[in-house]
Amino acid sequence: MPMNSTESFAPKIVAFCCNWCSYAGADLAGSSRLAYPADVKIIKVPCSCRVNPMFILRAFEKGADGVIICGCHPGDCHYSTGNYYARRRMTLLFSMLEYIGIEKDRVRVEWVSAAEAVKFSETMNSFVLQIKNLGENVRLGDLRCKS
């Protein structure tokens, strides 16, 4: 995507946040008026283990430039071991992304508790900056989804 000096790239970020910790952290960040870019679209999931790697590939196909999965800290999962399953799945996903040619820096896994609004805001801001540096995702995008 060619950029003019007056035009800036605004990445599309999909954030899968678990209901019990990360989504509550996002809510607290909003209540505390902590800023993070509007380019981050949050999808609430019951647990980080419910994020199927196909959801991430589908997000890229539909035009996402980056995907972040946020869950409870290991050991603090509402469903006991859900985030351990998520961590294993994401490790496999990273190797698959490398295989199909998508930079693994476009996907991140973070553990954010309900009380860590500042961490949530800082994580989203740093991830958006990281994706801006990578540029637009053109590898997996479906041309039918472009307007």
Protein backbone atom coordinates (compact mmCIF):
# COMPACT_ATOMS: atom_id res chain seq x y z
CA MET A 1 0.00 0.00 0.00
CA PRO A 2 1.74 3.21 -1.11
CA MET A 3 1.68 5.93 1.52
CA ASN A 4 1.77 9.69 1.04
CA SER A 5 3.50 11.82 3.61
CA THR A 6 0.07 13.21 4.59
CA GLU A 7 -1.52 9.78 4.84
CA SER A 8 -0.83 7.56 7.82
CA PHE A 9 -1.41 3.84 8.14
CA ALA A 10 -4.08 2.91 10.68
CA PRO A 11 -3.79 -0.84 11.34
CA LYS A 12 -6.82 -3.00 12.02
CA ILE A 13 -6.24 -4.94 15.23
CA VAL A 14 -8.45 -7.73 16.55
CA ALA A 15 -8.15 -8.44 20.29
CA PHE A 16 -9.60 -11.64 21.71
CA CYS A 17 -10.08 -10.95 25.43
CA CYS A 18 -11.24 -13.43 28.05
CA ASN A 19 -14.38 -12.46 29.91
CA TRP A 20 -12.98 -12.83 33.41
CA CYS A 21 -9.69 -10.92 33.33
CA SER A 22 -8.66 -9.19 30.14
CA TYR A 23 -12.07 -7.87 29.14
CA ALA A 24 -12.52 -6.56 32.68
CA GLY A 25 -9.05 -4.97 32.38
CA ALA A 26 -10.17 -3.29 29.15
CA ASP A 27 -13.33 -2.09 30.88
CA LEU A 28 -11.28 -0.68 33.76
CA ALA A 29 -8.96 1.03 31.27
CA GLY A 30 -11.97 2.71 29.71
CA SER A 31 -13.42 3.68 33.09
CA SER A 32 -10.04 5.08 34.13
CA ARG A 33 -9.81 7.03 30.86
CA LEU A 34 -6.60 5.32 29.83
CA ALA A 35 -6.09 5.72 26.11
CA TYR A 36 -5.51 3.00 23.56
CA PRO A 37 -6.16 3.27 19.81
CA ALA A 38 -9.66 2.92 18.41
CA ASP A 39 -8.16 0.59 15.79
CA VAL A 40 -8.29 -2.19 18.41
CA LYS A 41 -11.54 -4.13 18.06
CA ILE A 42 -12.22 -6.30 21.11
CA ILE A 43 -13.98 -9.65 20.86
CA LYS A 44 -15.03 -11.06 24.24
CA VAL A 45 -14.52 -14.81 24.63
CA PRO A 46 -15.36 -16.94 27.69
CA CYS A 47 -11.71 -18.02 28.07
CA SER A 48 -8.50 -17.61 26.08
CA CYS A 49 -8.56 -21.37 25.44
CA ARG A 50 -11.69 -20.87 23.34
CA VAL A 51 -9.71 -18.94 20.70
CA ASN A 52 -9.32 -21.40 17.87
CA PRO A 53 -6.27 -20.74 15.66
CA MET A 54 -8.69 -20.70 12.72
CA PHE A 55 -10.28 -17.56 14.23
CA ILE A 56 -6.92 -15.84 13.94
CA LEU A 57 -6.36 -16.95 10.36
CA ARG A 58 -9.90 -15.85 9.51
CA ALA A 59 -9.26 -12.43 11.07
CA PHE A 60 -6.22 -12.02 8.83
CA GLU A 61 -8.24 -13.17 5.84
CA LYS A 62 -10.92 -10.57 6.60
CA GLY A 63 -8.37 -7.74 6.70
CA ALA A 64 -6.84 -7.64 10.17
CA ASP A 65 -3.26 -6.41 10.29
CA GLY A 66 -2.63 -7.85 13.75
CA VAL A 67 -4.30 -10.14 16.30
CA ILE A 68 -3.72 -10.17 20.04
CA ILE A 69 -5.02 -12.77 22.48
CA CYS A 70 -5.38 -11.63 26.09
CA GLY A 71 -6.15 -13.99 28.93
CA CYS A 72 -5.80 -14.51 32.65
CA HIS A 73 -2.36 -14.99 34.12
CA PRO A 74 -1.27 -18.66 34.22
CA GLY A 75 -2.58 -20.14 37.44
CA ASP A 76 -5.39 -17.56 37.76
CA CYS A 77 -7.69 -18.87 35.04
CA HIS A 78 -11.37 -18.96 35.94
CA TYR A 79 -11.52 -22.38 34.25
CA SER A 80 -8.38 -23.64 36.05
CA THR A 81 -6.16 -24.58 33.09
CA GLY A 82 -7.68 -22.79 30.10
CA ASN A 83 -4.79 -20.42 29.52
CA TYR A 84 -2.33 -23.33 29.50
CA TYR A 85 -4.28 -24.82 26.57
CA ALA A 86 -4.28 -21.43 24.87
CA ARG A 87 -0.52 -21.11 25.28
CA ARG A 88 0.04 -24.53 23.69
CA ARG A 89 -2.29 -23.76 20.79
CA MET A 90 -0.62 -20.43 20.10
CA THR A 91 2.83 -22.06 20.06
CA LEU A 92 1.58 -24.34 17.29
CA LEU A 93 -0.04 -21.39 15.51
CA PHE A 94 3.24 -19.44 15.48
CA SER A 95 4.97 -22.26 13.62
CA MET A 96 2.06 -22.47 11.18
CA LEU A 97 2.18 -18.71 10.54
CA GLU A 98 5.86 -18.97 9.74
CA TYR A 99 5.06 -21.78 7.31
CA ILE A 100 2.45 -19.77 5.39
CA GLY A 101 4.60 -16.65 5.36
CA ILE A 102 2.91 -14.34 7.88
CA GLU A 103 5.23 -12.54 10.28
CA LYS A 104 4.73 -14.00 13.74
CA ASP A 105 5.06 -10.48 15.15
CA ARG A 106 1.53 -9.88 13.86
CA VAL A 107 0.18 -12.13 16.63
CA ARG A 108 0.77 -11.66 20.34
CA VAL A 109 -0.39 -13.44 23.49
CA GLU A 110 -0.57 -11.41 26.71
CA TRP A 111 -1.74 -12.19 30.21
CA VAL A 112 -3.68 -9.26 31.69
CA SER A 113 -5.69 -9.42 34.90
CA ALA A 114 -8.85 -7.47 35.66
CA ALA A 115 -6.91 -5.04 37.86
CA GLU A 116 -4.22 -4.28 35.25
CA ALA A 117 -5.86 -1.49 33.27
CA VAL A 118 -2.54 0.30 32.78
CA LYS A 119 -0.93 -2.87 31.46
CA PHE A 120 -3.86 -3.40 29.07
CA SER A 121 -3.56 0.14 27.71
CA GLU A 122 0.24 -0.07 27.38
CA THR A 123 0.03 -3.50 25.72
CA MET A 124 -2.48 -2.30 23.13
CA ASN A 125 -0.49 0.87 22.41
CA SER A 126 2.77 -1.03 21.96
CA PHE A 127 1.10 -3.69 19.79
CA VAL A 128 -0.45 -1.07 17.49
CA LEU A 129 2.95 0.61 17.16
CA GLN A 130 4.55 -2.76 16.35
CA ILE A 131 1.95 -3.43 13.64
CA LYS A 132 2.37 0.08 12.21
CA ASN A 133 6.07 -0.66 11.82
CA LEU A 134 5.28 -3.95 10.02
CA GLY A 135 2.81 -2.29 7.66
CA GLU A 136 -0.35 -3.62 6.10
CA ASN A 137 -1.00 -7.36 6.06
CA VAL A 138 -1.07 -8.35 2.40
CA ARG A 139 -0.11 -12.01 2.66
CA LEU A 140 -3.40 -13.63 3.66
CA GLY A 141 -5.91 -10.94 2.76
CA ASP A 142 -8.92 -12.03 0.77
CA LEU A 143 -9.45 -9.67 -2.17
CA ARG A 144 -13.21 -10.21 -1.90
CA CYS A 145 -13.15 -8.50 1.52
CA LYS A 146 -11.53 -5.29 0.24
CA SER A 147 -13.84 -2.38 -0.38
